[in-house]
PDB file of N, CA and C in Angstrom:
ATOM      1  N   UNK A   1      46.792  58.169 -30.251  1.00  0.00           N
ATOM      2  CA  UNK A   1      47.312  58.597 -29.015  1.00  0.00           C
ATOM      3  C   UNK A   1      46.336  59.627 -28.375  1.00  0.00           C
ATOM      4  N   UNK A   2      45.649  60.426 -29.262  1.00  0.00           N
ATOM      5  CA  UNK A   2      44.691  61.401 -28.743  1.00  0.00           C
ATOM      6  C   UNK A   2      43.612  60.711 -27.925  1.00  0.00           C
ATOM      7  N   UNK A   3      43.008  59.689 -28.553  1.00  0.00           N
ATOM      8  CA  UNK A   3      41.935  59.015 -27.871  1.00  0.00           C
ATOM      9  C   UNK A   3      42.323  58.303 -26.591  1.00  0.00           C
ATOM     10  N   UNK A   4      43.595  57.747 -26.582  1.00  0.00           N
ATOM     11  CA  UNK A   4      44.072  57.138 -25.369  1.00  0.00           C
ATOM     12  C   UNK A   4      44.281  58.183 -24.296  1.00  0.00           C
ATOM     13  N   UNK A   5      44.744  59.364 -24.681  1.00  0.00           N
ATOM     14  CA  UNK A   5      44.955  60.430 -23.681  1.00  0.00           C
ATOM     15  C   UNK A   5      43.624  60.916 -23.076  1.00  0.00           C
ATOM     16  N   UNK A   6      42.589  61.031 -24.016  1.00  0.00           N
ATOM     17  CA  UNK A   6      41.275  61.411 -23.487  1.00  0.00           C
ATOM     18  C   UNK A   6      40.771  60.363 -22.520  1.00  0.00           C
ATOM     19  N   UNK A   7      40.884  59.074 -22.897  1.00  0.00           N
ATOM     20  CA  UNK A   7      40.417  57.984 -21.982  1.00  0.00           C
ATOM     21  C   UNK A   7      41.146  58.004 -20.670  1.00  0.00           C
ATOM     22  N   UNK A   8      42.456  58.307 -20.703  1.00  0.00           N
ATOM     23  CA  UNK A   8      43.252  58.274 -19.512  1.00  0.00           C
ATOM     24  C   UNK A   8      42.994  59.509 -18.598  1.00  0.00           C
ATOM     25  N   UNK A   9      42.346  60.553 -19.149  1.00  0.00           N
ATOM     26  CA  UNK A   9      42.119  61.774 -18.388  1.00  0.00           C
ATOM     27  C   UNK A   9      40.653  62.090 -18.152  1.00  0.00           C
ATOM     28  N   UNK A  10      39.783  61.132 -18.301  1.00  0.00           N
ATOM     29  CA  UNK A  10      38.377  61.380 -17.956  1.00  0.00           C
ATOM     30  C   UNK A  10      38.281  61.628 -16.482  1.00  0.00           C
ATOM     31  N   UNK A  11      37.678  62.701 -16.081  1.00  0.00           N
ATOM     32  CA  UNK A  11      37.728  63.070 -14.648  1.00  0.00           C
ATOM     33  C   UNK A  11      36.983  62.074 -13.721  1.00  0.00           C
ATOM     34  N   UNK A  12      35.965  61.440 -14.152  1.00  0.00           N
ATOM     35  CA  UNK A  12      35.187  60.540 -13.271  1.00  0.00           C
ATOM     36  C   UNK A  12      35.487  59.097 -13.531  1.00  0.00           C
ATOM     37  N   UNK A  13      36.449  58.821 -14.387  1.00  0.00           N
ATOM     38  CA  UNK A  13      36.782  57.458 -14.678  1.00  0.00           C
ATOM     39  C   UNK A  13      38.323  57.344 -14.836  1.00  0.00           C
ATOM     40  N   UNK A  14      38.975  57.430 -13.714  1.00  0.00           N
ATOM     41  CA  UNK A  14      40.400  57.349 -13.694  1.00  0.00           C
ATOM     42  C   UNK A  14      40.922  55.940 -13.961  1.00  0.00           C
ATOM     43  N   UNK A  15      41.867  55.737 -14.862  1.00  0.00           N
ATOM     44  CA  UNK A  15      42.422  54.471 -15.189  1.00  0.00           C
ATOM     45  C   UNK A  15      43.749  54.300 -14.452  1.00  0.00           C
ATOM     46  N   UNK A  16      43.984  53.127 -13.939  1.00  0.00           N
ATOM     47  CA  UNK A  16      45.295  52.833 -13.351  1.00  0.00           C
ATOM     48  C   UNK A  16      46.306  52.597 -14.486  1.00  0.00           C
ATOM     49  N   UNK A  17      47.540  52.575 -14.102  1.00  0.00           N
ATOM     50  CA  UNK A  17      48.565  52.205 -15.094  1.00  0.00           C
ATOM     51  C   UNK A  17      48.380  50.754 -15.622  1.00  0.00           C
ATOM     52  N   UNK A  18      47.985  49.883 -14.721  1.00  0.00           N
ATOM     53  CA  UNK A  18      47.769  48.507 -15.133  1.00  0.00           C
ATOM     54  C   UNK A  18      46.607  48.409 -16.109  1.00  0.00           C
ATOM     55  N   UNK A  19      45.593  49.121 -15.951  1.00  0.00           N
ATOM     56  CA  UNK A  19      44.455  49.136 -16.859  1.00  0.00           C
ATOM     57  C   UNK A  19      44.850  49.661 -18.202  1.00  0.00           C
ATOM     58  N   UNK A  20      45.661  50.740 -18.224  1.00  0.00           N
ATOM     59  CA  UNK A  20      46.072  51.335 -19.505  1.00  0.00           C
ATOM     60  C   UNK A  20      47.023  50.357 -20.188  1.00  0.00           C
ATOM     61  N   UNK A  21      47.899  49.661 -19.464  1.00  0.00           N
ATOM     62  CA  UNK A  21      48.766  48.698 -20.113  1.00  0.00           C
ATOM     63  C   UNK A  21      47.930  47.613 -20.758  1.00  0.00           C
ATOM     64  N   UNK A  22      46.870  47.170 -20.107  1.00  0.00           N
ATOM     65  CA  UNK A  22      46.012  46.161 -20.689  1.00  0.00           C
ATOM     66  C   UNK A  22      45.322  46.701 -21.996  1.00  0.00           C
ATOM     67  N   UNK A  23      44.844  47.878 -21.959  1.00  0.00           N
ATOM     68  CA  UNK A  23      44.275  48.447 -23.191  1.00  0.00           C
ATOM     69  C   UNK A  23      45.269  48.501 -24.324  1.00  0.00           C
ATOM     70  N   UNK A  24      46.480  48.913 -24.026  1.00  0.00           N
ATOM     71  CA  UNK A  24      47.495  48.929 -25.088  1.00  0.00           C
ATOM     72  C   UNK A  24      47.816  47.481 -25.581  1.00  0.00           C
ATOM     73  N   UNK A  25      47.872  46.547 -24.715  1.00  0.00           N
ATOM     74  CA  UNK A  25      48.087  45.176 -25.113  1.00  0.00           C
ATOM     75  C   UNK A  25      46.912  44.642 -25.977  1.00  0.00           C
ATOM     76  N   UNK A  26      45.695  44.940 -25.603  1.00  0.00           N
ATOM     77  CA  UNK A  26      44.553  44.486 -26.386  1.00  0.00           C
ATOM     78  C   UNK A  26      44.603  45.131 -27.795  1.00  0.00           C
ATOM     79  N   UNK A  27      44.964  46.428 -27.817  1.00  0.00           N
ATOM     80  CA  UNK A  27      45.040  47.110 -29.161  1.00  0.00           C
ATOM     81  C   UNK A  27      46.044  46.395 -30.032  1.00  0.00           C
ATOM     82  N   UNK A  28      47.205  45.995 -29.465  1.00  0.00           N
ATOM     83  CA  UNK A  28      48.251  45.298 -30.258  1.00  0.00           C
ATOM     84  C   UNK A  28      47.724  43.970 -30.754  1.00  0.00           C
ATOM     85  N   UNK A  29      47.085  43.192 -29.788  1.00  0.00           N
ATOM     86  CA  UNK A  29      46.555  41.897 -30.134  1.00  0.00           C
ATOM     87  C   UNK A  29      45.466  41.931 -31.223  1.00  0.00           C
ATOM     88  N   UNK A  30      44.746  43.047 -31.294  1.00  0.00           N
ATOM     89  CA  UNK A  30      43.692  43.198 -32.314  1.00  0.00           C
ATOM     90  C   UNK A  30      44.249  43.729 -33.630  1.00  0.00           C
ATOM     91  N   UNK A  31      45.589  43.939 -33.693  1.00  0.00           N
ATOM     92  CA  UNK A  31      46.218  44.340 -34.968  1.00  0.00           C
ATOM     93  C   UNK A  31      46.256  45.826 -35.214  1.00  0.00           C
ATOM     94  N   UNK A  32      45.962  46.640 -34.229  1.00  0.00           N
ATOM     95  CA  UNK A  32      46.090  48.100 -34.428  1.00  0.00           C
ATOM     96  C   UNK A  32      47.507  48.482 -34.793  1.00  0.00           C
ATOM     97  N   UNK A  33      47.655  49.476 -35.661  1.00  0.00           N
ATOM     98  CA  UNK A  33      48.963  49.888 -36.066  1.00  0.00           C
ATOM     99  C   UNK A  33      49.459  51.031 -35.193  1.00  0.00           C
ATOM    100  N   UNK A  34      50.743  51.130 -35.009  1.00  0.00           N
ATOM    101  CA  UNK A  34      51.400  52.219 -34.300  1.00  0.00           C
ATOM    102  C   UNK A  34      50.944  52.364 -32.874  1.00  0.00           C
ATOM    103  N   UNK A  35      50.704  51.271 -32.166  1.00  0.00           N
ATOM    104  CA  UNK A  35      50.301  51.326 -30.756  1.00  0.00           C
ATOM    105  C   UNK A  35      51.597  51.658 -29.939  1.00  0.00           C
ATOM    106  N   UNK A  36      51.562  52.670 -29.157  1.00  0.00           N
ATOM    107  CA  UNK A  36      52.807  53.043 -28.370  1.00  0.00           C
ATOM    108  C   UNK A  36      52.949  52.145 -27.227  1.00  0.00           C
ATOM    109  N   UNK A  37      54.181  52.067 -26.734  1.00  0.00           N
ATOM    110  CA  UNK A  37      54.419  51.346 -25.503  1.00  0.00           C
ATOM    111  C   UNK A  37      53.882  52.233 -24.373  1.00  0.00           C
ATOM    112  N   UNK A  38      53.751  51.622 -23.213  1.00  0.00           N
ATOM    113  CA  UNK A  38      53.232  52.392 -22.049  1.00  0.00           C
ATOM    114  C   UNK A  38      54.161  53.552 -21.729  1.00  0.00           C
ATOM    115  N   UNK A  39      55.494  53.273 -21.784  1.00  0.00           N
ATOM    116  CA  UNK A  39      56.455  54.315 -21.459  1.00  0.00           C
ATOM    117  C   UNK A  39      56.408  55.429 -22.473  1.00  0.00           C
ATOM    118  N   UNK A  40      56.298  55.091 -23.786  1.00  0.00           N
ATOM    119  CA  UNK A  40      56.229  56.119 -24.848  1.00  0.00           C
ATOM    120  C   UNK A  40      54.933  56.965 -24.675  1.00  0.00           C
ATOM    121  N   UNK A  41      53.877  56.360 -24.310  1.00  0.00           N
ATOM    122  CA  UNK A  41      52.607  57.046 -24.069  1.00  0.00           C
ATOM    123  C   UNK A  41      52.736  58.010 -22.928  1.00  0.00           C
ATOM    124  N   UNK A  42      53.330  57.577 -21.805  1.00  0.00           N
ATOM    125  CA  UNK A  42      53.488  58.476 -20.637  1.00  0.00           C
ATOM    126  C   UNK A  42      54.427  59.602 -20.972  1.00  0.00           C
ATOM    127  N   UNK A  43      55.517  59.340 -21.809  1.00  0.00           N
ATOM    128  CA  UNK A  43      56.426  60.357 -22.174  1.00  0.00           C
ATOM    129  C   UNK A  43      55.737  61.396 -23.063  1.00  0.00           C
ATOM    130  N   UNK A  44      54.861  60.988 -23.959  1.00  0.00           N
ATOM    131  CA  UNK A  44      54.057  61.923 -24.821  1.00  0.00           C
ATOM    132  C   UNK A  44      53.183  62.794 -23.871  1.00  0.00           C
ATOM    133  N   UNK A  45      52.544  62.185 -22.898  1.00  0.00           N
ATOM    134  CA  UNK A  45      51.667  62.964 -21.992  1.00  0.00           C
ATOM    135  C   UNK A  45      52.486  63.997 -21.239  1.00  0.00           C
ATOM    136  N   UNK A  46      53.662  63.645 -20.737  1.00  0.00           N
ATOM    137  CA  UNK A  46      54.531  64.613 -20.028  1.00  0.00           C
ATOM    138  C   UNK A  46      54.913  65.736 -20.980  1.00  0.00           C
ATOM    139  N   UNK A  47      55.232  65.439 -22.162  1.00  0.00           N
ATOM    140  CA  UNK A  47      55.586  66.461 -23.185  1.00  0.00           C
ATOM    141  C   UNK A  47      54.442  67.453 -23.367  1.00  0.00           C
ATOM    142  N   UNK A  48      53.263  66.860 -23.604  1.00  0.00           N
ATOM    143  CA  UNK A  48      52.069  67.729 -23.886  1.00  0.00           C
ATOM    144  C   UNK A  48      51.693  68.581 -22.637  1.00  0.00           C
ATOM    145  N   UNK A  49      51.824  67.967 -21.459  1.00  0.00           N
ATOM    146  CA  UNK A  49      51.514  68.699 -20.242  1.00  0.00           C
ATOM    147  C   UNK A  49      52.476  69.883 -20.087  1.00  0.00           C
ATOM    148  N   UNK A  50      53.755  69.703 -20.373  1.00  0.00           N
ATOM    149  CA  UNK A  50      54.727  70.775 -20.376  1.00  0.00           C
ATOM    150  C   UNK A  50      54.445  71.837 -21.448  1.00  0.00           C
ATOM    151  N   UNK A  51      53.998  71.401 -22.566  1.00  0.00           N
ATOM    152  CA  UNK A  51      53.757  72.304 -23.694  1.00  0.00           C
ATOM    153  C   UNK A  51      52.463  73.063 -23.550  1.00  0.00           C
ATOM    154  N   UNK A  52      51.404  72.405 -23.136  1.00  0.00           N
ATOM    155  CA  UNK A  52      50.039  72.965 -23.139  1.00  0.00           C
ATOM    156  C   UNK A  52      49.468  73.122 -21.750  1.00  0.00           C
ATOM    157  N   UNK A  53      49.968  72.434 -20.832  1.00  0.00           N
ATOM    158  CA  UNK A  53      49.318  72.393 -19.443  1.00  0.00           C
ATOM    159  C   UNK A  53      49.459  73.704 -18.711  1.00  0.00           C
ATOM    160  N   UNK A  54      48.620  73.896 -17.775  1.00  0.00           N
ATOM    161  CA  UNK A  54      48.625  75.055 -16.860  1.00  0.00           C
ATOM    162  C   UNK A  54      48.793  74.516 -15.485  1.00  0.00           C
ATOM    163  N   UNK A  55      49.889  74.833 -14.843  1.00  0.00           N
ATOM    164  CA  UNK A  55      50.145  74.303 -13.490  1.00  0.00           C
ATOM    165  C   UNK A  55      49.093  74.867 -12.449  1.00  0.00           C
ATOM    166  N   UNK A  56      48.686  73.999 -11.599  1.00  0.00           N
ATOM    167  CA  UNK A  56      47.789  74.417 -10.518  1.00  0.00           C
ATOM    168  C   UNK A  56      48.558  75.009  -9.388  1.00  0.00           C
ATOM    169  N   UNK A  57      48.081  76.064  -8.791  1.00  0.00           N
ATOM    170  CA  UNK A  57      48.743  76.685  -7.657  1.00  0.00           C
ATOM    171  C   UNK A  57      48.026  76.290  -6.325  1.00  0.00           C
ATOM    172  N   UNK A  58      48.852  75.886  -5.405  1.00  0.00           N
ATOM    173  CA  UNK A  58      48.302  75.464  -4.079  1.00  0.00           C
ATOM    174  C   UNK A  58      47.939  76.718  -3.271  1.00  0.00           C
ATOM    175  N   UNK A  59      46.787  76.687  -2.705  1.00  0.00           N
ATOM    176  CA  UNK A  59      46.241  77.726  -1.831  1.00  0.00           C
ATOM    177  C   UNK A  59      45.856  77.165  -0.482  1.00  0.00           C
ATOM    178  N   UNK A  60      45.813  77.966   0.512  1.00  0.00           N
ATOM    179  CA  UNK A  60      45.322  77.503   1.863  1.00  0.00           C
ATOM    180  C   UNK A  60      44.253  78.446   2.262  1.00  0.00           C
ATOM    181  N   UNK A  61      43.106  77.911   2.667  1.00  0.00           N
ATOM    182  CA  UNK A  61      41.981  78.782   3.138  1.00  0.00           C
ATOM    183  C   UNK A  61      42.234  79.310   4.477  1.00  0.00           C
ATOM    184  N   UNK A  62      41.451  80.243   4.963  1.00  0.00           N
ATOM    185  CA  UNK A  62      41.566  80.783   6.289  1.00  0.00           C
ATOM    186  C   UNK A  62      41.361  79.731   7.388  1.00  0.00           C
ATOM    187  N   UNK A  63      40.633  78.625   7.037  1.00  0.00           N
ATOM    188  CA  UNK A  63      40.418  77.501   8.020  1.00  0.00           C
ATOM    189  C   UNK A  63      41.596  76.496   7.933  1.00  0.00           C
ATOM    190  N   UNK A  64      42.541  76.705   7.011  1.00  0.00           N
ATOM    191  CA  UNK A  64      43.639  75.760   6.917  1.00  0.00           C
ATOM    192  C   UNK A  64      43.492  74.704   5.910  1.00  0.00           C
ATOM    193  N   UNK A  65      42.382  74.709   5.171  1.00  0.00           N
ATOM    194  CA  UNK A  65      42.184  73.688   4.127  1.00  0.00           C
ATOM    195  C   UNK A  65      42.992  74.034   2.912  1.00  0.00           C
ATOM    196  N   UNK A  66      43.633  72.985   2.337  1.00  0.00           N
ATOM    197  CA  UNK A  66      44.378  73.183   1.103  1.00  0.00           C
ATOM    198  C   UNK A  66      43.533  72.870  -0.126  1.00  0.00           C
ATOM    199  N   UNK A  67      43.682  73.740  -1.136  1.00  0.00           N
ATOM    200  CA  UNK A  67      43.009  73.500  -2.430  1.00  0.00           C
ATOM    201  C   UNK A  67      43.884  74.042  -3.520  1.00  0.00           C
ATOM    202  N   UNK A  68      43.556  73.732  -4.750  1.00  0.00           N
ATOM    203  CA  UNK A  68      44.344  74.100  -5.890  1.00  0.00           C
ATOM    204  C   UNK A  68      43.514  74.886  -6.898  1.00  0.00           C
ATOM    205  N   UNK A  69      44.099  75.935  -7.513  1.00  0.00           N
ATOM    206  CA  UNK A  69      43.410  76.762  -8.480  1.00  0.00           C
ATOM    207  C   UNK A  69      44.368  76.899  -9.684  1.00  0.00           C
ATOM    208  N   UNK A  70      43.790  77.148 -10.819  1.00  0.00           N
ATOM    209  CA  UNK A  70      44.534  77.486 -12.033  1.00  0.00           C
ATOM    210  C   UNK A  70      44.473  78.995 -12.235  1.00  0.00           C
ATOM    211  N   UNK A  71      45.554  79.591 -12.719  1.00  0.00           N
ATOM    212  CA  UNK A  71      45.614  80.994 -12.920  1.00  0.00           C
ATOM    213  C   UNK A  71      44.879  81.258 -14.269  1.00  0.00           C
ATOM    214  N   UNK A  72      43.798  82.092 -14.183  1.00  0.00           N
ATOM    215  CA  UNK A  72      42.986  82.362 -15.376  1.00  0.00           C
ATOM    216  C   UNK A  72      43.802  83.087 -16.482  1.00  0.00           C
ATOM    217  N   UNK A  73      44.784  83.850 -16.033  1.00  0.00           N
ATOM    218  CA  UNK A  73      45.623  84.591 -17.057  1.00  0.00           C
ATOM    219  C   UNK A  73      46.382  83.604 -17.928  1.00  0.00           C
ATOM    220  N   UNK A  74      46.840  82.484 -17.344  1.00  0.00           N
ATOM    221  CA  UNK A  74      47.558  81.492 -18.114  1.00  0.00           C
ATOM    222  C   UNK A  74      46.650  80.832 -19.095  1.00  0.00           C
ATOM    223  N   UNK A  75      45.380  80.626 -18.739  1.00  0.00           N
ATOM    224  CA  UNK A  75      44.444  80.001 -19.702  1.00  0.00           C
ATOM    225  C   UNK A  75      44.128  80.973 -20.870  1.00  0.00           C
ATOM    226  N   UNK A  76      43.963  82.214 -20.537  1.00  0.00           N
ATOM    227  CA  UNK A  76      43.657  83.229 -21.581  1.00  0.00           C
ATOM    228  C   UNK A  76      44.801  83.366 -22.517  1.00  0.00           C
ATOM    229  N   UNK A  77      46.032  83.350 -21.992  1.00  0.00           N
ATOM    230  CA  UNK A  77      47.208  83.448 -22.881  1.00  0.00           C
ATOM    231  C   UNK A  77      47.290  82.283 -23.839  1.00  0.00           C
ATOM    232  N   UNK A  78      46.814  81.091 -23.467  1.00  0.00           N
ATOM    233  CA  UNK A  78      46.966  79.940 -24.292  1.00  0.00           C
ATOM    234  C   UNK A  78      45.906  79.845 -25.357  1.00  0.00           C
ATOM    235  N   UNK A  79      44.824  80.589 -25.249  1.00  0.00           N
ATOM    236  CA  UNK A  79      43.729  80.485 -26.228  1.00  0.00           C
ATOM    237  C   UNK A  79      43.695  81.719 -27.187  1.00  0.00           C
ATOM    238  N   UNK A  80      44.746  82.515 -27.197  1.00  0.00           N
ATOM    239  CA  UNK A  80      44.833  83.591 -28.152  1.00  0.00           C
ATOM    240  C   UNK A  80      44.837  83.055 -29.556  1.00  0.00           C
ATOM    241  N   UNK A  81      44.282  83.761 -30.544  1.00  0.00           N
ATOM    242  CA  UNK A  81      44.252  83.272 -31.865  1.00  0.00           C
ATOM    243  C   UNK A  81      45.710  83.165 -32.399  1.00  0.00           C
ATOM    244  N   UNK A  82      45.942  82.164 -33.268  1.00  0.00           N
ATOM    245  CA  UNK A  82      47.237  81.980 -33.880  1.00  0.00           C
ATOM    246  C   UNK A  82      47.650  83.246 -34.629  1.00  0.00           C
ATOM    247  N   UNK A  83      48.912  83.608 -34.454  1.00  0.00           N
ATOM    248  CA  UNK A  83      49.398  84.798 -35.091  1.00  0.00           C
ATOM    249  C   UNK A  83      49.542  85.926 -34.139  1.00  0.00           C
ATOM    250  N   UNK A  84      48.840  85.855 -33.033  1.00  0.00           N
ATOM    251  CA  UNK A  84      48.922  86.931 -31.984  1.00  0.00           C
ATOM    252  C   UNK A  84      49.858  86.557 -30.867  1.00  0.00           C
ATOM    253  N   UNK A  85      50.324  85.265 -30.825  1.00  0.00           N
ATOM    254  CA  UNK A  85      51.223  84.846 -29.766  1.00  0.00           C
ATOM    255  C   UNK A  85      52.643  85.361 -30.079  1.00  0.00           C
ATOM    256  N   UNK A  86      53.135  86.255 -29.273  1.00  0.00           N
ATOM    257  CA  UNK A  86      54.489  86.797 -29.510  1.00  0.00           C
ATOM    258  C   UNK A  86      55.248  86.842 -28.230  1.00  0.00           C
TER     259      UNK A  86
END
């Protein structure tokens, strides 16, 4: 699942749902064990995004352009050494 998630989230090589379904089908046809269904894979991604993800905040520039930023404090909180999270 990890490698599939990495493949699905490569920033310059976005896969469509159809392409990912084809990859999962090929994996099953080649005899890979424990290949998730497309729905199970997306469910796992939603779970991980909720557990580990940092939501982007929408901002508007003085010229009216919309852009998104991540809060650096949220990132720092998530990389604290184990045992210090309280």
